[in-house]
Each structure stands twice: as structure tokens, then as C-alpha cells.
Amino acid sequence: MEIMKKNHFILWVTLLLVLPYSCKFNISLTGSSINPNAKTVSIATFPNNASLGNPSLSQEFTNALKDKIQNQTPLTIINSNGDYALEGEITGYTINPVAIQGNDIAAMNRLTITIRVRFTNKFDETLNFEQSFSRYTDYSSTTNLTSVENSLVATINEALTDDIFNRAFVNW
């Protein structure tokens, strides 16, 4: 009986020591599904090809996308030929009236930014895509755009980079 207890004890200790090394868990707090062999991502500057636009929008958006990927993945950002590649252009920057009141005056204006993105995955070409992403935010028509433009653009850039990240790395 004593020998059986000792054997059980040895068996449990062995299992507890071996089990963590025999199983591989891939846990991602962001939900991203990045190929374990991927080490790099190249992100080209997104030029502003919109007819209107903030002159710093290209750099602000590109930096926001780089920050998102750098903060959410273990990938190293390089200039070209990454395991993953993101490139594209800003195709729209529009301001339109919304919430028209009875006197045909808009109570709100809407700033919309549209980005065309091309994503390349060297490990799985079926995950490559080319897609437009568009986001907007509204602001009061009594507010001068130049006084709120920086915060509106930052809000829209955050939403756009979330959408692009999810499409590229979370595969939704």
C-alpha cells in the first residue's frame, strides 16, 4: 500500500513537471492571429490623394497605424518587404452637413475619412486583401472646423486603424 502511494506521488509530480512543456498554448490578448514565423511588417506612408484634406493627415494616419501594430503585435516595423505589408492611400476627406433643421440649416457637420488599404500576407495569400475603410465623426455646425479638426482626425484615425488591424490580423 505504501509503495502504491509513493508511485502515485511520483506519477503526479512527473505529470506536473512535464505537462507544461508538452503542451503549447498560443494566447493572444488582442485576439490577433499572427503566423509564428512572421517577424516583420512593412507599412508604407499612405499619401493623401483626397481632394480636400489636412496637410498632415498622411503622416498622422501612417503613424497611428504603425503605433497600433507596434503596440498590439510582436512584429518589427520595417520599410519594405515585410512578412506582412500594408500600403494604400487616403482617398477621401469630406465634410458634409447632417441633421438638417426645419430652416434648412445643418445642426451638425460630418467629417469623413476614407482609406484604401492593400494588405499582403507572405504566409497565406488567401488572407491578402484590398479594401476601403471609412469612418466619420460629427461636430456642431456652429463650431469652426479648424478648432476641432485635430481631435476629430485623431478619433477617426483610431477607429480606422482598429478596423484595418482587425481585418489584417484578427481575420474578421
C-alpha atoms as a PDB file:
ATOM      1  CA  MET A   1       0.000   0.000   0.000  1.00  0.00           C
ATOM      2  CA  GLU A   2       2.834   2.387   0.869  1.00  0.00           C
ATOM      3  CA  ILE A   3       4.531   1.622  -2.468  1.00  0.00           C
ATOM      4  CA  MET A   4       1.317   2.485  -4.386  1.00  0.00           C
ATOM      5  CA  LYS A   5       1.072   5.858  -2.642  1.00  0.00           C
ATOM      6  CA  LYS A   6       4.697   6.567  -3.452  1.00  0.00           C
ATOM      7  CA  ASN A   7       4.158   5.566  -7.121  1.00  0.00           C
ATOM      8  CA  HIS A   8       1.089   7.798  -7.381  1.00  0.00           C
ATOM      9  CA  PHE A   9       3.003  10.675  -5.883  1.00  0.00           C
ATOM     10  CA  ILE A  10       5.873  10.205  -8.363  1.00  0.00           C
ATOM     11  CA  LEU A  11       3.392   9.956 -11.246  1.00  0.00           C
ATOM     12  CA  TRP A  12       1.646  13.212 -10.279  1.00  0.00           C
ATOM     13  CA  VAL A  13       4.895  15.097  -9.770  1.00  0.00           C
ATOM     14  CA  THR A  14       6.142  13.868 -13.150  1.00  0.00           C
ATOM     15  CA  LEU A  15       2.908  14.940 -14.871  1.00  0.00           C
ATOM     16  CA  LEU A  16       3.006  18.353 -13.248  1.00  0.00           C
ATOM     17  CA  LEU A  17       6.585  18.876 -14.371  1.00  0.00           C
ATOM     18  CA  VAL A  18       6.215  17.504 -17.916  1.00  0.00           C
ATOM     19  CA  LEU A  19       2.733  18.711 -18.867  1.00  0.00           C
ATOM     20  CA  PRO A  20       3.526  22.435 -19.181  1.00  0.00           C
ATOM     21  CA  TYR A  21       6.393  21.669 -21.560  1.00  0.00           C
ATOM     22  CA  SER A  22       4.494  19.161 -23.674  1.00  0.00           C
ATOM     23  CA  CYS A  23       1.580  21.454 -24.487  1.00  0.00           C
ATOM     24  CA  LYS A  24       1.879  24.617 -26.483  1.00  0.00           C
ATOM     25  CA  PHE A  25      -0.655  27.334 -25.886  1.00  0.00           C
ATOM     26  CA  ASN A  26      -0.904  30.332 -28.161  1.00  0.00           C
ATOM     27  CA  ILE A  27      -2.562  33.072 -26.173  1.00  0.00           C
ATOM     28  CA  SER A  28      -3.194  36.468 -27.647  1.00  0.00           C
ATOM     29  CA  LEU A  29      -4.688  39.224 -25.553  1.00  0.00           C
ATOM     30  CA  THR A  30      -5.564  41.187 -28.689  1.00  0.00           C
ATOM     31  CA  GLY A  31      -7.185  38.284 -30.488  1.00  0.00           C
ATOM     32  CA  SER A  32      -4.699  38.563 -33.323  1.00  0.00           C
ATOM     33  CA  SER A  33      -3.698  35.527 -35.328  1.00  0.00           C
ATOM     34  CA  ILE A  34      -0.149  36.139 -36.437  1.00  0.00           C
ATOM     35  CA  ASN A  35       1.858  33.385 -38.062  1.00  0.00           C
ATOM     36  CA  PRO A  36       4.528  32.259 -35.562  1.00  0.00           C
ATOM     37  CA  ASN A  37       7.169  32.567 -38.312  1.00  0.00           C
ATOM     38  CA  ALA A  38       6.283  36.198 -39.019  1.00  0.00           C
ATOM     39  CA  LYS A  39       8.773  38.683 -37.670  1.00  0.00           C
ATOM     40  CA  THR A  40       8.229  41.878 -39.691  1.00  0.00           C
ATOM     41  CA  VAL A  41       5.589  44.157 -41.150  1.00  0.00           C
ATOM     42  CA  SER A  42       6.230  46.870 -43.695  1.00  0.00           C
ATOM     43  CA  ILE A  43       3.969  49.909 -43.610  1.00  0.00           C
ATOM     44  CA  ALA A  44       4.284  52.383 -46.460  1.00  0.00           C
ATOM     45  CA  THR A  45       3.316  56.011 -45.997  1.00  0.00           C
ATOM     46  CA  PHE A  46      -0.318  56.483 -47.012  1.00  0.00           C
ATOM     47  CA  PRO A  47      -0.342  59.517 -49.349  1.00  0.00           C
ATOM     48  CA  ASN A  48      -3.283  61.888 -49.190  1.00  0.00           C
ATOM     49  CA  ASN A  49      -4.993  61.677 -52.585  1.00  0.00           C
ATOM     50  CA  ALA A  50      -8.244  63.218 -51.347  1.00  0.00           C
ATOM     51  CA  SER A  51      -9.386  66.424 -52.994  1.00  0.00           C
ATOM     52  CA  LEU A  52      -9.655  68.112 -49.587  1.00  0.00           C
ATOM     53  CA  GLY A  53      -7.604  67.465 -46.558  1.00  0.00           C
ATOM     54  CA  ASN A  54      -5.405  68.298 -43.738  1.00  0.00           C
ATOM     55  CA  PRO A  55      -1.778  68.563 -44.969  1.00  0.00           C
ATOM     56  CA  SER A  56      -0.509  66.453 -42.061  1.00  0.00           C
ATOM     57  CA  LEU A  57      -3.167  63.727 -42.444  1.00  0.00           C
ATOM     58  CA  SER A  58      -0.890  61.378 -44.380  1.00  0.00           C
ATOM     59  CA  GLN A  59       1.783  61.314 -41.694  1.00  0.00           C
ATOM     60  CA  GLU A  60      -0.710  61.292 -38.801  1.00  0.00           C
ATOM     61  CA  PHE A  61      -2.618  58.314 -40.199  1.00  0.00           C
ATOM     62  CA  THR A  62       0.534  56.355 -41.095  1.00  0.00           C
ATOM     63  CA  ASN A  63       1.961  56.933 -37.612  1.00  0.00           C
ATOM     64  CA  ALA A  64      -1.326  55.904 -35.968  1.00  0.00           C
ATOM     65  CA  LEU A  65      -1.327  52.643 -37.954  1.00  0.00           C
ATOM     66  CA  LYS A  66       2.312  51.945 -37.057  1.00  0.00           C
ATOM     67  CA  ASP A  67       1.613  52.653 -33.378  1.00  0.00           C
ATOM     68  CA  LYS A  68      -1.396  50.314 -33.383  1.00  0.00           C
ATOM     69  CA  ILE A  69       0.562  47.435 -34.904  1.00  0.00           C
ATOM     70  CA  GLN A  70       3.628  48.044 -32.764  1.00  0.00           C
ATOM     71  CA  ASN A  71       1.518  48.098 -29.577  1.00  0.00           C
ATOM     72  CA  GLN A  72      -0.641  45.086 -30.463  1.00  0.00           C
ATOM     73  CA  THR A  73       1.814  42.678 -32.100  1.00  0.00           C
ATOM     74  CA  PRO A  74       5.380  41.416 -31.623  1.00  0.00           C
ATOM     75  CA  LEU A  75       6.198  42.366 -35.239  1.00  0.00           C
ATOM     76  CA  THR A  76       9.075  44.669 -36.121  1.00  0.00           C
ATOM     77  CA  ILE A  77       8.171  47.503 -38.485  1.00  0.00           C
ATOM     78  CA  ILE A  78      10.484  47.785 -41.493  1.00  0.00           C
ATOM     79  CA  ASN A  79      10.446  49.951 -44.624  1.00  0.00           C
ATOM     80  CA  SER A  80       9.746  47.284 -47.264  1.00  0.00           C
ATOM     81  CA  ASN A  81       9.379  43.553 -47.957  1.00  0.00           C
ATOM     82  CA  GLY A  82       7.911  42.630 -44.586  1.00  0.00           C
ATOM     83  CA  ASP A  83       6.333  39.274 -43.820  1.00  0.00           C
ATOM     84  CA  TYR A  84       3.146  41.332 -43.798  1.00  0.00           C
ATOM     85  CA  ALA A  85       2.779  44.519 -45.829  1.00  0.00           C
ATOM     86  CA  LEU A  86       0.308  47.376 -45.580  1.00  0.00           C
ATOM     87  CA  GLU A  87       0.093  50.119 -48.157  1.00  0.00           C
ATOM     88  CA  GLY A  88      -2.543  52.342 -49.635  1.00  0.00           C
ATOM     89  CA  GLU A  89      -3.759  55.893 -49.844  1.00  0.00           C
ATOM     90  CA  ILE A  90      -6.178  58.337 -48.313  1.00  0.00           C
ATOM     91  CA  THR A  91      -8.939  58.611 -50.896  1.00  0.00           C
ATOM     92  CA  GLY A  92     -11.499  60.743 -49.119  1.00  0.00           C
ATOM     93  CA  TYR A  93     -11.646  63.651 -46.711  1.00  0.00           C
ATOM     94  CA  THR A  94     -15.125  65.165 -46.808  1.00  0.00           C
ATOM     95  CA  ILE A  95     -17.225  67.499 -44.732  1.00  0.00           C
ATOM     96  CA  ASN A  96     -20.980  67.207 -45.204  1.00  0.00           C
ATOM     97  CA  PRO A  97     -23.929  68.725 -43.401  1.00  0.00           C
ATOM     98  CA  VAL A  98     -26.105  66.340 -41.375  1.00  0.00           C
ATOM     99  CA  ALA A  99     -29.095  66.800 -39.073  1.00  0.00           C
ATOM    100  CA  ILE A 100     -30.783  69.440 -41.218  1.00  0.00           C
ATOM    101  CA  GLN A 101     -33.136  71.592 -39.179  1.00  0.00           C
ATOM    102  CA  GLY A 102     -36.505  72.989 -40.262  1.00  0.00           C
ATOM    103  CA  ASN A 103     -34.878  76.151 -41.615  1.00  0.00           C
ATOM    104  CA  ASP A 104     -32.607  74.147 -43.974  1.00  0.00           C
ATOM    105  CA  ILE A 105     -29.569  74.806 -41.807  1.00  0.00           C
ATOM    106  CA  ALA A 106     -27.446  71.904 -40.639  1.00  0.00           C
ATOM    107  CA  ALA A 107     -27.179  71.442 -36.894  1.00  0.00           C
ATOM    108  CA  MET A 108     -24.204  69.143 -37.345  1.00  0.00           C
ATOM    109  CA  ASN A 109     -21.402  68.595 -39.828  1.00  0.00           C
ATOM    110  CA  ARG A 110     -19.766  65.247 -40.529  1.00  0.00           C
ATOM    111  CA  LEU A 111     -16.058  64.773 -41.195  1.00  0.00           C
ATOM    112  CA  THR A 112     -15.463  61.512 -43.070  1.00  0.00           C
ATOM    113  CA  ILE A 113     -12.074  59.988 -43.910  1.00  0.00           C
ATOM    114  CA  THR A 114     -11.714  57.078 -46.341  1.00  0.00           C
ATOM    115  CA  ILE A 115      -8.582  54.954 -46.653  1.00  0.00           C
ATOM    116  CA  ARG A 116      -7.833  52.410 -49.384  1.00  0.00           C
ATOM    117  CA  VAL A 117      -5.661  49.573 -47.997  1.00  0.00           C
ATOM    118  CA  ARG A 118      -3.742  46.754 -49.655  1.00  0.00           C
ATOM    119  CA  PHE A 119      -2.630  44.013 -47.290  1.00  0.00           C
ATOM    120  CA  THR A 120      -0.173  41.268 -48.232  1.00  0.00           C
ATOM    121  CA  ASN A 121       0.487  38.171 -46.146  1.00  0.00           C
ATOM    122  CA  LYS A 122       3.573  36.223 -47.324  1.00  0.00           C
ATOM    123  CA  PHE A 123       2.488  33.129 -45.396  1.00  0.00           C
ATOM    124  CA  ASP A 124      -1.086  32.830 -46.631  1.00  0.00           C
ATOM    125  CA  GLU A 125      -2.064  34.615 -49.845  1.00  0.00           C
ATOM    126  CA  THR A 126      -5.734  33.823 -49.250  1.00  0.00           C
ATOM    127  CA  LEU A 127      -5.626  36.446 -46.480  1.00  0.00           C
ATOM    128  CA  ASN A 128      -4.440  39.214 -48.835  1.00  0.00           C
ATOM    129  CA  PHE A 129      -6.986  41.944 -49.441  1.00  0.00           C
ATOM    130  CA  GLU A 130      -7.612  45.327 -50.966  1.00  0.00           C
ATOM    131  CA  GLN A 131     -10.390  47.246 -49.265  1.00  0.00           C
ATOM    132  CA  SER A 132     -11.611  50.743 -48.465  1.00  0.00           C
ATOM    133  CA  PHE A 133     -12.269  51.714 -44.879  1.00  0.00           C
ATOM    134  CA  SER A 134     -14.296  54.767 -43.970  1.00  0.00           C
ATOM    135  CA  ARG A 135     -15.084  56.376 -40.628  1.00  0.00           C
ATOM    136  CA  TYR A 136     -16.659  59.651 -39.605  1.00  0.00           C
ATOM    137  CA  THR A 137     -17.412  61.838 -36.646  1.00  0.00           C
ATOM    138  CA  ASP A 138     -19.936  64.630 -36.278  1.00  0.00           C
ATOM    139  CA  TYR A 139     -19.401  68.069 -34.825  1.00  0.00           C
ATOM    140  CA  SER A 140     -21.590  71.098 -34.265  1.00  0.00           C
ATOM    141  CA  SER A 141     -22.109  73.323 -37.288  1.00  0.00           C
ATOM    142  CA  THR A 142     -21.536  76.325 -35.030  1.00  0.00           C
ATOM    143  CA  THR A 143     -18.000  75.086 -34.331  1.00  0.00           C
ATOM    144  CA  ASN A 144     -15.154  76.166 -36.595  1.00  0.00           C
ATOM    145  CA  LEU A 145     -13.568  73.026 -38.108  1.00  0.00           C
ATOM    146  CA  THR A 146     -10.026  74.284 -37.559  1.00  0.00           C
ATOM    147  CA  SER A 147     -10.634  74.459 -33.802  1.00  0.00           C
ATOM    148  CA  VAL A 148     -11.667  70.781 -33.556  1.00  0.00           C
ATOM    149  CA  GLU A 149     -10.021  69.212 -36.615  1.00  0.00           C
ATOM    150  CA  ASN A 150      -7.015  67.708 -34.813  1.00  0.00           C
ATOM    151  CA  SER A 151      -9.160  65.906 -32.237  1.00  0.00           C
ATOM    152  CA  LEU A 152     -11.668  64.758 -34.893  1.00  0.00           C
ATOM    153  CA  VAL A 153      -8.874  63.370 -37.081  1.00  0.00           C
ATOM    154  CA  ALA A 154      -7.293  61.582 -34.084  1.00  0.00           C
ATOM    155  CA  THR A 155     -10.655  59.978 -33.220  1.00  0.00           C
ATOM    156  CA  ILE A 156     -11.260  58.869 -36.808  1.00  0.00           C
ATOM    157  CA  ASN A 157      -7.673  57.588 -37.182  1.00  0.00           C
ATOM    158  CA  GLU A 158      -8.103  55.464 -34.060  1.00  0.00           C
ATOM    159  CA  ALA A 159     -11.294  53.890 -35.439  1.00  0.00           C
ATOM    160  CA  LEU A 160      -9.753  53.346 -38.882  1.00  0.00           C
ATOM    161  CA  THR A 161      -6.612  51.716 -37.501  1.00  0.00           C
ATOM    162  CA  ASP A 162      -8.770  49.434 -35.332  1.00  0.00           C
ATOM    163  CA  ASP A 163     -10.757  48.384 -38.420  1.00  0.00           C
ATOM    164  CA  ILE A 164      -7.629  47.798 -40.501  1.00  0.00           C
ATOM    165  CA  PHE A 165      -5.854  45.910 -37.716  1.00  0.00           C
ATOM    166  CA  ASN A 166      -8.883  43.668 -37.177  1.00  0.00           C
ATOM    167  CA  ARG A 167      -9.202  42.914 -40.882  1.00  0.00           C
ATOM    168  CA  ALA A 168      -5.483  42.199 -41.317  1.00  0.00           C
ATOM    169  CA  PHE A 169      -4.573  40.435 -38.088  1.00  0.00           C
ATOM    170  CA  VAL A 170      -7.769  39.232 -36.444  1.00  0.00           C
ATOM    171  CA  ASN A 171      -9.313  37.957 -39.692  1.00  0.00           C
ATOM    172  CA  TRP A 172     -12.861  39.139 -39.150  1.00  0.00           C
END
